[in-house]
PDB file of N, CA and C in Angstrom:
ATOM      1  N   MET A   1      21.040 110.044  94.799  1.00  0.00           N
ATOM      2  CA  MET A   1      21.977 110.828  94.032  1.00  0.00           C
ATOM      3  C   MET A   1      21.224 111.962  93.344  1.00  0.00           C
ATOM      4  N   GLY A   2      21.810 113.114  93.353  1.00  0.00           N
ATOM      5  CA  GLY A   2      21.174 114.269  92.745  1.00  0.00           C
ATOM      6  C   GLY A   2      22.078 114.942  91.740  1.00  0.00           C
ATOM      7  N   ASN A   3      21.522 115.962  91.109  1.00  0.00           N
ATOM      8  CA  ASN A   3      22.301 116.718  90.140  1.00  0.00           C
ATOM      9  C   ASN A   3      22.080 118.211  90.346  1.00  0.00           C
ATOM     10  N   PHE A   4      22.774 118.992  89.572  1.00  0.00           N
ATOM     11  CA  PHE A   4      22.701 120.438  89.675  1.00  0.00           C
ATOM     12  C   PHE A   4      22.064 121.023  88.426  1.00  0.00           C
ATOM     13  N   VAL A   5      21.305 122.115  88.629  1.00  0.00           N
ATOM     14  CA  VAL A   5      20.728 122.874  87.525  1.00  0.00           C
ATOM     15  C   VAL A   5      21.014 124.346  87.787  1.00  0.00           C
ATOM     16  N   GLY A   6      20.856 125.142  86.756  1.00  0.00           N
ATOM     17  CA  GLY A   6      21.017 126.581  86.883  1.00  0.00           C
ATOM     18  C   GLY A   6      19.833 127.284  86.243  1.00  0.00           C
ATOM     19  N   PHE A   7      19.513 128.471  86.729  1.00  0.00           N
ATOM     20  CA  PHE A   7      18.415 129.268  86.198  1.00  0.00           C
ATOM     21  C   PHE A   7      18.987 130.583  85.714  1.00  0.00           C
ATOM     22  N   LYS A   8      18.595 131.005  84.509  1.00  0.00           N
ATOM     23  CA  LYS A   8      19.066 132.289  83.983  1.00  0.00           C
ATOM     24  C   LYS A   8      17.966 132.916  83.147  1.00  0.00           C
ATOM     25  N   CYS A   9      17.617 134.156  83.454  1.00  0.00           N
ATOM     26  CA  CYS A   9      16.653 134.916  82.669  1.00  0.00           C
ATOM     27  C   CYS A   9      17.418 135.822  81.710  1.00  0.00           C
ATOM     28  N   LYS A  10      17.166 135.670  80.426  1.00  0.00           N
ATOM     29  CA  LYS A  10      17.884 136.480  79.443  1.00  0.00           C
ATOM     30  C   LYS A  10      17.338 137.903  79.363  1.00  0.00           C
ATOM     31  N   PHE A  11      16.182 138.153  79.978  1.00  0.00           N
ATOM     32  CA  PHE A  11      15.585 139.481  79.924  1.00  0.00           C
ATOM     33  C   PHE A  11      16.090 140.388  81.043  1.00  0.00           C
ATOM     34  N   CYS A  12      15.999 139.927  82.299  1.00  0.00           N
ATOM     35  CA  CYS A  12      16.415 140.781  83.421  1.00  0.00           C
ATOM     36  C   CYS A  12      17.740 140.350  84.039  1.00  0.00           C
ATOM     37  N   GLN A  13      18.315 139.246  83.543  1.00  0.00           N
ATOM     38  CA  GLN A  13      19.598 138.722  84.008  1.00  0.00           C
ATOM     39  C   GLN A  13      19.572 138.094  85.395  1.00  0.00           C
ATOM     40  N   TYR A  14      18.359 137.867  85.974  1.00  0.00           N
ATOM     41  CA  TYR A  14      18.285 137.158  87.255  1.00  0.00           C
ATOM     42  C   TYR A  14      18.855 135.760  87.052  1.00  0.00           C
ATOM     43  N   GLU A  15      19.686 135.329  88.014  1.00  0.00           N
ATOM     44  CA  GLU A  15      20.372 134.049  87.859  1.00  0.00           C
ATOM     45  C   GLU A  15      20.509 133.337  89.202  1.00  0.00           C
ATOM     46  N   GLU A  16      20.314 132.041  89.176  1.00  0.00           N
ATOM     47  CA  GLU A  16      20.636 131.147  90.280  1.00  0.00           C
ATOM     48  C   GLU A  16      21.507 130.073  89.645  1.00  0.00           C
ATOM     49  N   SER A  17      22.778 130.024  90.001  1.00  0.00           N
ATOM     50  CA  SER A  17      23.710 129.202  89.228  1.00  0.00           C
ATOM     51  C   SER A  17      23.880 127.773  89.717  1.00  0.00           C
ATOM     52  N   ASN A  18      23.698 127.487  90.977  1.00  0.00           N
ATOM     53  CA  ASN A  18      23.912 126.124  91.482  1.00  0.00           C
ATOM     54  C   ASN A  18      22.752 125.674  92.348  1.00  0.00           C
ATOM     55  N   ILE A  19      21.759 125.083  91.708  1.00  0.00           N
ATOM     56  CA  ILE A  19      20.596 124.564  92.411  1.00  0.00           C
ATOM     57  C   ILE A  19      20.709 123.044  92.414  1.00  0.00           C
ATOM     58  N   GLY A  20      20.732 122.448  93.597  1.00  0.00           N
ATOM     59  CA  GLY A  20      20.802 120.992  93.710  1.00  0.00           C
ATOM     60  C   GLY A  20      19.410 120.398  93.810  1.00  0.00           C
ATOM     61  N   ILE A  21      19.168 119.314  93.083  1.00  0.00           N
ATOM     62  CA  ILE A  21      17.893 118.604  93.168  1.00  0.00           C
ATOM     63  C   ILE A  21      18.153 117.105  93.169  1.00  0.00           C
ATOM     64  N   GLY A  22      17.243 116.348  93.760  1.00  0.00           N
ATOM     65  CA  GLY A  22      17.350 114.900  93.723  1.00  0.00           C
ATOM     66  C   GLY A  22      17.342 114.264  95.097  1.00  0.00           C
ATOM     67  N   ARG A  23      17.576 112.974  95.101  1.00  0.00           N
ATOM     68  CA  ARG A  23      17.529 112.169  96.320  1.00  0.00           C
ATOM     69  C   ARG A  23      18.884 111.541  96.596  1.00  0.00           C
ATOM     70  N   GLY A  24      19.150 111.343  97.873  1.00  0.00           N
ATOM     71  CA  GLY A  24      20.344 110.618  98.284  1.00  0.00           C
ATOM     72  C   GLY A  24      20.032 109.140  98.360  1.00  0.00           C
ATOM     73  N   LYS A  25      20.643 108.460  99.282  1.00  0.00           N
ATOM     74  CA  LYS A  25      20.448 107.017  99.416  1.00  0.00           C
ATOM     75  C   LYS A  25      19.191 106.653 100.202  1.00  0.00           C
ATOM     76  N   THR A  26      18.586 107.629 100.890  1.00  0.00           N
ATOM     77  CA  THR A  26      17.369 107.377 101.656  1.00  0.00           C
ATOM     78  C   THR A  26      16.203 108.146 101.033  1.00  0.00           C
ATOM     79  N   GLU A  27      14.994 107.778 101.427  1.00  0.00           N
ATOM     80  CA  GLU A  27      13.806 108.429 100.861  1.00  0.00           C
ATOM     81  C   GLU A  27      13.700 109.893 101.282  1.00  0.00           C
ATOM     82  N   PHE A  28      13.975 110.178 102.554  1.00  0.00           N
ATOM     83  CA  PHE A  28      13.939 111.541 103.088  1.00  0.00           C
ATOM     84  C   PHE A  28      15.247 111.819 103.794  1.00  0.00           C
ATOM     85  N   PRO A  29      15.710 113.030 103.833  1.00  0.00           N
ATOM     86  CA  PRO A  29      15.248 114.187 103.084  1.00  0.00           C
ATOM     87  C   PRO A  29      15.744 114.142 101.640  1.00  0.00           C
ATOM     88  N   PHE A  30      15.149 114.998 100.806  1.00  0.00           N
ATOM     89  CA  PHE A  30      15.617 115.149  99.428  1.00  0.00           C
ATOM     90  C   PHE A  30      15.510 116.616  99.029  1.00  0.00           C
ATOM     91  N   LEU A  31      16.269 116.994  98.023  1.00  0.00           N
ATOM     92  CA  LEU A  31      16.262 118.369  97.538  1.00  0.00           C
ATOM     93  C   LEU A  31      15.261 118.509  96.400  1.00  0.00           C
ATOM     94  N   ALA A  32      14.367 119.504  96.518  1.00  0.00           N
ATOM     95  CA  ALA A  32      13.338 119.730  95.514  1.00  0.00           C
ATOM     96  C   ALA A  32      13.392 121.171  95.010  1.00  0.00           C
ATOM     97  N   LEU A  33      13.037 121.332  93.765  1.00  0.00           N
ATOM     98  CA  LEU A  33      13.017 122.626  93.091  1.00  0.00           C
ATOM     99  C   LEU A  33      11.746 123.388  93.479  1.00  0.00           C
ATOM    100  N   TYR A  34      11.864 124.700  93.712  1.00  0.00           N
ATOM    101  CA  TYR A  34      10.699 125.505  94.074  1.00  0.00           C
ATOM    102  C   TYR A  34      10.789 126.897  93.492  1.00  0.00           C
ATOM    103  N   ARG A  35       9.651 127.582  93.557  1.00  0.00           N
ATOM    104  CA  ARG A  35       9.555 129.008  93.236  1.00  0.00           C
ATOM    105  C   ARG A  35       8.922 129.668  94.458  1.00  0.00           C
ATOM    106  N   CYS A  36       9.585 130.675  95.022  1.00  0.00           N
ATOM    107  CA  CYS A  36       9.085 131.351  96.225  1.00  0.00           C
ATOM    108  C   CYS A  36       8.286 132.597  95.825  1.00  0.00           C
ATOM    109  N   HIS A  37       7.059 132.682  96.338  1.00  0.00           N
ATOM    110  CA  HIS A  37       6.195 133.826  96.025  1.00  0.00           C
ATOM    111  C   HIS A  37       6.397 134.979  96.995  1.00  0.00           C
ATOM    112  N   HIS A  38       7.180 134.769  98.041  1.00  0.00           N
ATOM    113  CA  HIS A  38       7.446 135.833  99.011  1.00  0.00           C
ATOM    114  C   HIS A  38       8.646 136.685  98.578  1.00  0.00           C
ATOM    115  N   CYS A  39       9.767 136.046  98.264  1.00  0.00           N
ATOM    116  CA  CYS A  39      10.967 136.810  97.878  1.00  0.00           C
ATOM    117  C   CYS A  39      11.265 136.719  96.379  1.00  0.00           C
ATOM    118  N   ASN A  40      10.380 136.063  95.618  1.00  0.00           N
ATOM    119  CA  ASN A  40      10.512 135.963  94.159  1.00  0.00           C
ATOM    120  C   ASN A  40      11.843 135.370  93.725  1.00  0.00           C
ATOM    121  N   THR A  41      12.112 134.157  94.184  1.00  0.00           N
ATOM    122  CA  THR A  41      13.326 133.452  93.784  1.00  0.00           C
ATOM    123  C   THR A  41      12.965 132.050  93.309  1.00  0.00           C
ATOM    124  N   ILE A  42      13.935 131.424  92.667  1.00  0.00           N
ATOM    125  CA  ILE A  42      13.860 130.011  92.307  1.00  0.00           C
ATOM    126  C   ILE A  42      15.043 129.353  92.989  1.00  0.00           C
ATOM    127  N   GLY A  43      14.825 128.184  93.569  1.00  0.00           N
ATOM    128  CA  GLY A  43      15.909 127.502  94.258  1.00  0.00           C
ATOM    129  C   GLY A  43      15.526 126.080  94.596  1.00  0.00           C
ATOM    130  N   SER A  44      16.255 125.513  95.534  1.00  0.00           N
ATOM    131  CA  SER A  44      15.932 124.169  96.017  1.00  0.00           C
ATOM    132  C   SER A  44      15.955 124.172  97.538  1.00  0.00           C
ATOM    133  N   THR A  45      15.162 123.285  98.099  1.00  0.00           N
ATOM    134  CA  THR A  45      15.063 123.177  99.542  1.00  0.00           C
ATOM    135  C   THR A  45      14.987 121.713  99.932  1.00  0.00           C
ATOM    136  N   TRP A  46      15.399 121.414 101.141  1.00  0.00           N
ATOM    137  CA  TRP A  46      15.297 120.051 101.656  1.00  0.00           C
ATOM    138  C   TRP A  46      13.859 119.756 102.020  1.00  0.00           C
ATOM    139  N   ILE A  47      13.374 118.627 101.549  1.00  0.00           N
ATOM    140  CA  ILE A  47      12.040 118.153 101.891  1.00  0.00           C
ATOM    141  C   ILE A  47      12.211 117.054 102.935  1.00  0.00           C
ATOM    142  N   HIS A  48      11.639 117.292 104.109  1.00  0.00           N
ATOM    143  CA  HIS A  48      11.672 116.329 105.210  1.00  0.00           C
ATOM    144  C   HIS A  48      10.272 115.758 105.389  1.00  0.00           C
ATOM    145  N   GLU A  49      10.193 114.535 105.815  1.00  0.00           N
ATOM    146  CA  GLU A  49       8.904 113.902 106.046  1.00  0.00           C
ATOM    147  C   GLU A  49       8.148 114.645 107.146  1.00  0.00           C
ATOM    148  N   ASN A  50       6.892 114.967 106.897  1.00  0.00           N
ATOM    149  CA  ASN A  50       5.992 115.629 107.847  1.00  0.00           C
ATOM    150  C   ASN A  50       6.436 117.034 108.257  1.00  0.00           C
ATOM    151  N   LYS A  51       7.189 117.728 107.411  1.00  0.00           N
ATOM    152  CA  LYS A  51       7.579 119.119 107.677  1.00  0.00           C
ATOM    153  C   LYS A  51       7.224 119.972 106.471  1.00  0.00           C
ATOM    154  N   ILE A  52       6.893 121.221 106.719  1.00  0.00           N
ATOM    155  CA  ILE A  52       6.553 122.152 105.650  1.00  0.00           C
ATOM    156  C   ILE A  52       7.846 122.654 105.005  1.00  0.00           C
ATOM    157  N   PRO A  53       7.968 122.563 103.670  1.00  0.00           N
ATOM    158  CA  PRO A  53       9.172 123.082 103.012  1.00  0.00           C
ATOM    159  C   PRO A  53       9.219 124.605 103.080  1.00  0.00           C
ATOM    160  N   ARG A  54      10.415 125.129 103.199  1.00  0.00           N
ATOM    161  CA  ARG A  54      10.612 126.572 103.298  1.00  0.00           C
ATOM    162  C   ARG A  54      11.648 127.041 102.280  1.00  0.00           C
ATOM    163  N   CYS A  55      11.542 128.299 101.906  1.00  0.00           N
ATOM    164  CA  CYS A  55      12.482 128.922 100.968  1.00  0.00           C
ATOM    165  C   CYS A  55      13.873 128.967 101.599  1.00  0.00           C
ATOM    166  N   SER A  56      14.878 128.618 100.828  1.00  0.00           N
ATOM    167  CA  SER A  56      16.246 128.653 101.349  1.00  0.00           C
ATOM    168  C   SER A  56      16.789 130.081 101.431  1.00  0.00           C
ATOM    169  N   GLN A  57      16.080 131.056 100.847  1.00  0.00           N
ATOM    170  CA  GLN A  57      16.518 132.454 100.901  1.00  0.00           C
ATOM    171  C   GLN A  57      15.848 133.214 102.056  1.00  0.00           C
ATOM    172  N   CYS A  58      14.502 133.160 102.117  1.00  0.00           N
ATOM    173  CA  CYS A  58      13.773 133.966 103.105  1.00  0.00           C
ATOM    174  C   CYS A  58      13.074 133.131 104.175  1.00  0.00           C
ATOM    175  N   TYR A  59      13.102 131.797 104.051  1.00  0.00           N
ATOM    176  CA  TYR A  59      12.509 130.853 105.003  1.00  0.00           C
ATOM    177  C   TYR A  59      10.981 130.897 105.070  1.00  0.00           C
ATOM    178  N   ASP A  60      10.350 131.580 104.118  1.00  0.00           N
ATOM    179  CA  ASP A  60       8.893 131.598 104.051  1.00  0.00           C
ATOM    180  C   ASP A  60       8.402 130.278 103.473  1.00  0.00           C
ATOM    181  N   ASP A  61       7.136 129.949 103.715  1.00  0.00           N
ATOM    182  CA  ASP A  61       6.598 128.701 103.177  1.00  0.00           C
ATOM    183  C   ASP A  61       5.665 128.925 101.983  1.00  0.00           C
ATOM    184  N   ALA A  62       5.674 130.116 101.391  1.00  0.00           N
ATOM    185  CA  ALA A  62       4.841 130.432 100.225  1.00  0.00           C
ATOM    186  C   ALA A  62       5.524 129.934  98.947  1.00  0.00           C
ATOM    187  N   LEU A  63       5.636 128.606  98.839  1.00  0.00           N
ATOM    188  CA  LEU A  63       6.368 128.003  97.733  1.00  0.00           C
ATOM    189  C   LEU A  63       5.446 127.282  96.767  1.00  0.00           C
ATOM    190  N   THR A  64       5.827 127.294  95.510  1.00  0.00           N
ATOM    191  CA  THR A  64       5.262 126.390  94.520  1.00  0.00           C
ATOM    192  C   THR A  64       6.359 125.394  94.208  1.00  0.00           C
ATOM    193  N   MET A  65       6.109 124.138  94.499  1.00  0.00           N
ATOM    194  CA  MET A  65       7.086 123.094  94.217  1.00  0.00           C
ATOM    195  C   MET A  65       7.019 122.762  92.730  1.00  0.00           C
ATOM    196  N   LEU A  66       8.184 122.667  92.104  1.00  0.00           N
ATOM    197  CA  LEU A  66       8.276 122.378  90.672  1.00  0.00           C
ATOM    198  C   LEU A  66       8.818 120.967  90.467  1.00  0.00           C
ATOM    199  N   PRO A  67       8.358 120.273  89.440  1.00  0.00           N
ATOM    200  CA  PRO A  67       8.923 118.953  89.147  1.00  0.00           C
ATOM    201  C   PRO A  67      10.427 119.067  88.874  1.00  0.00           C
ATOM    202  N   ASP A  68      11.189 118.050  89.252  1.00  0.00           N
ATOM    203  CA  ASP A  68      12.641 118.074  89.061  1.00  0.00           C
ATOM    204  C   ASP A  68      13.039 118.224  87.602  1.00  0.00           C
ATOM    205  N   ASP A  69      12.181 117.799  86.676  1.00  0.00           N
ATOM    206  CA  ASP A  69      12.521 117.877  85.259  1.00  0.00           C
ATOM    207  C   ASP A  69      12.027 119.160  84.587  1.00  0.00           C
ATOM    208  N   THR A  70      11.608 120.163  85.374  1.00  0.00           N
ATOM    209  CA  THR A  70      11.166 121.442  84.823  1.00  0.00           C
ATOM    210  C   THR A  70      12.319 122.101  84.075  1.00  0.00           C
ATOM    211  N   ARG A  71      12.073 122.541  82.876  1.00  0.00           N
ATOM    212  CA  ARG A  71      13.113 123.211  82.079  1.00  0.00           C
ATOM    213  C   ARG A  71      12.709 124.616  81.645  1.00  0.00           C
ATOM    214  N   ARG A  72      11.426 124.893  81.607  1.00  0.00           N
ATOM    215  CA  ARG A  72      10.964 126.231  81.235  1.00  0.00           C
ATOM    216  C   ARG A  72      10.019 126.741  82.317  1.00  0.00           C
ATOM    217  N   VAL A  73      10.269 127.955  82.761  1.00  0.00           N
ATOM    218  CA  VAL A  73       9.439 128.572  83.792  1.00  0.00           C
ATOM    219  C   VAL A  73       9.560 130.083  83.631  1.00  0.00           C
ATOM    220  N   ASN A  74       8.508 130.810  83.951  1.00  0.00           N
ATOM    221  CA  ASN A  74       8.598 132.259  83.890  1.00  0.00           C
ATOM    222  C   ASN A  74       9.492 132.771  85.012  1.00  0.00           C
ATOM    223  N   CYS A  75      10.279 133.774  84.699  1.00  0.00           N
ATOM    224  CA  CYS A  75      11.195 134.365  85.677  1.00  0.00           C
ATOM    225  C   CYS A  75      10.390 134.929  86.851  1.00  0.00           C
ATOM    226  N   PRO A  76      10.789 134.625  88.088  1.00  0.00           N
ATOM    227  CA  PRO A  76      10.059 135.158  89.242  1.00  0.00           C
ATOM    228  C   PRO A  76      10.285 136.654  89.446  1.00  0.00           C
ATOM    229  N   LYS A  77      11.291 137.236  88.811  1.00  0.00           N
ATOM    230  CA  LYS A  77      11.575 138.670  88.969  1.00  0.00           C
ATOM    231  C   LYS A  77      10.835 139.521  87.943  1.00  0.00           C
ATOM    232  N   CYS A  78      10.875 139.118  86.636  1.00  0.00           N
ATOM    233  CA  CYS A  78      10.280 139.957  85.587  1.00  0.00           C
ATOM    234  C   CYS A  78       9.090 139.307  84.889  1.00  0.00           C
ATOM    235  N   GLY A  79       8.884 137.996  85.071  1.00  0.00           N
ATOM    236  CA  GLY A  79       7.748 137.310  84.473  1.00  0.00           C
ATOM    237  C   GLY A  79       7.950 136.813  83.056  1.00  0.00           C
ATOM    238  N   GLU A  80       9.100 137.087  82.474  1.00  0.00           N
ATOM    239  CA  GLU A  80       9.374 136.640  81.099  1.00  0.00           C
ATOM    240  C   GLU A  80       9.773 135.157  81.100  1.00  0.00           C
ATOM    241  N   PRO A  81       9.606 134.471  79.965  1.00  0.00           N
ATOM    242  CA  PRO A  81      10.007 133.058  79.875  1.00  0.00           C
ATOM    243  C   PRO A  81      11.510 132.899  80.109  1.00  0.00           C
ATOM    244  N   ALA A  82      11.873 131.884  80.872  1.00  0.00           N
ATOM    245  CA  ALA A  82      13.287 131.626  81.170  1.00  0.00           C
ATOM    246  C   ALA A  82      13.519 130.116  81.190  1.00  0.00           C
ATOM    247  N   VAL A  83      14.786 129.733  81.316  1.00  0.00           N
ATOM    248  CA  VAL A  83      15.172 128.332  81.187  1.00  0.00           C
ATOM    249  C   VAL A  83      15.909 127.852  82.434  1.00  0.00           C
ATOM    250  N   ILE A  84      15.581 126.636  82.853  1.00  0.00           N
ATOM    251  CA  ILE A  84      16.343 125.922  83.878  1.00  0.00           C
ATOM    252  C   ILE A  84      17.160 124.885  83.127  1.00  0.00           C
ATOM    253  N   ALA A  85      18.475 124.988  83.224  1.00  0.00           N
ATOM    254  CA  ALA A  85      19.356 124.121  82.438  1.00  0.00           C
ATOM    255  C   ALA A  85      20.175 123.193  83.331  1.00  0.00           C
ATOM    256  N   PRO A  86      20.328 121.925  82.913  1.00  0.00           N
ATOM    257  CA  PRO A  86      21.189 121.006  83.665  1.00  0.00           C
ATOM    258  C   PRO A  86      22.628 121.494  83.658  1.00  0.00           C
ATOM    259  N   LYS A  87      23.345 121.234  84.751  1.00  0.00           N
ATOM    260  CA  LYS A  87      24.761 121.602  84.857  1.00  0.00           C
ATOM    261  C   LYS A  87      25.581 120.358  85.107  1.00  0.00           C
ATOM    262  N   GLU A  88      26.877 120.470  84.908  1.00  0.00           N
ATOM    263  CA  GLU A  88      27.796 119.369  85.172  1.00  0.00           C
ATOM    264  C   GLU A  88      27.850 119.075  86.665  1.00  0.00           C
ATOM    265  N   GLY A  89      28.024 117.833  87.000  1.00  0.00           N
ATOM    266  CA  GLY A  89      28.221 117.465  88.394  1.00  0.00           C
ATOM    267  C   GLY A  89      27.025 116.784  89.014  1.00  0.00           C
ATOM    268  N   SER A  90      27.284 116.128  90.125  1.00  0.00           N
ATOM    269  CA  SER A  90      26.239 115.456  90.883  1.00  0.00           C
ATOM    270  C   SER A  90      26.634 115.440  92.349  1.00  0.00           C
ATOM    271  N   TRP A  91      25.697 115.056  93.211  1.00  0.00           N
ATOM    272  CA  TRP A  91      25.962 114.949  94.645  1.00  0.00           C
ATOM    273  C   TRP A  91      25.352 113.649  95.145  1.00  0.00           C
ATOM    274  N   GLU A  92      25.875 113.169  96.284  1.00  0.00           N
ATOM    275  CA  GLU A  92      25.359 111.923  96.889  1.00  0.00           C
ATOM    276  C   GLU A  92      24.831 112.196  98.269  1.00  0.00           C
TER     277      GLU A  92
END
């Protein structure tokens, strides 16, 4: 079971509103939070066993994987401090 988070930078207004993270009923695949250094986004991607994770926007593999409980991270667009906030809802 997973949940949703949102990212919003109060400085440049970059926003990702529905990012899913967490695990379903099996160990793999699962949704993990990342920061892409190629297209400068924050999002989530499916992690499969023995496969390289890729950005859901540009499909590049230049990712920094973030812990699911990350709440503060610098904005990938402007570099200022920003917040990842939990949202209502869950997925199975």
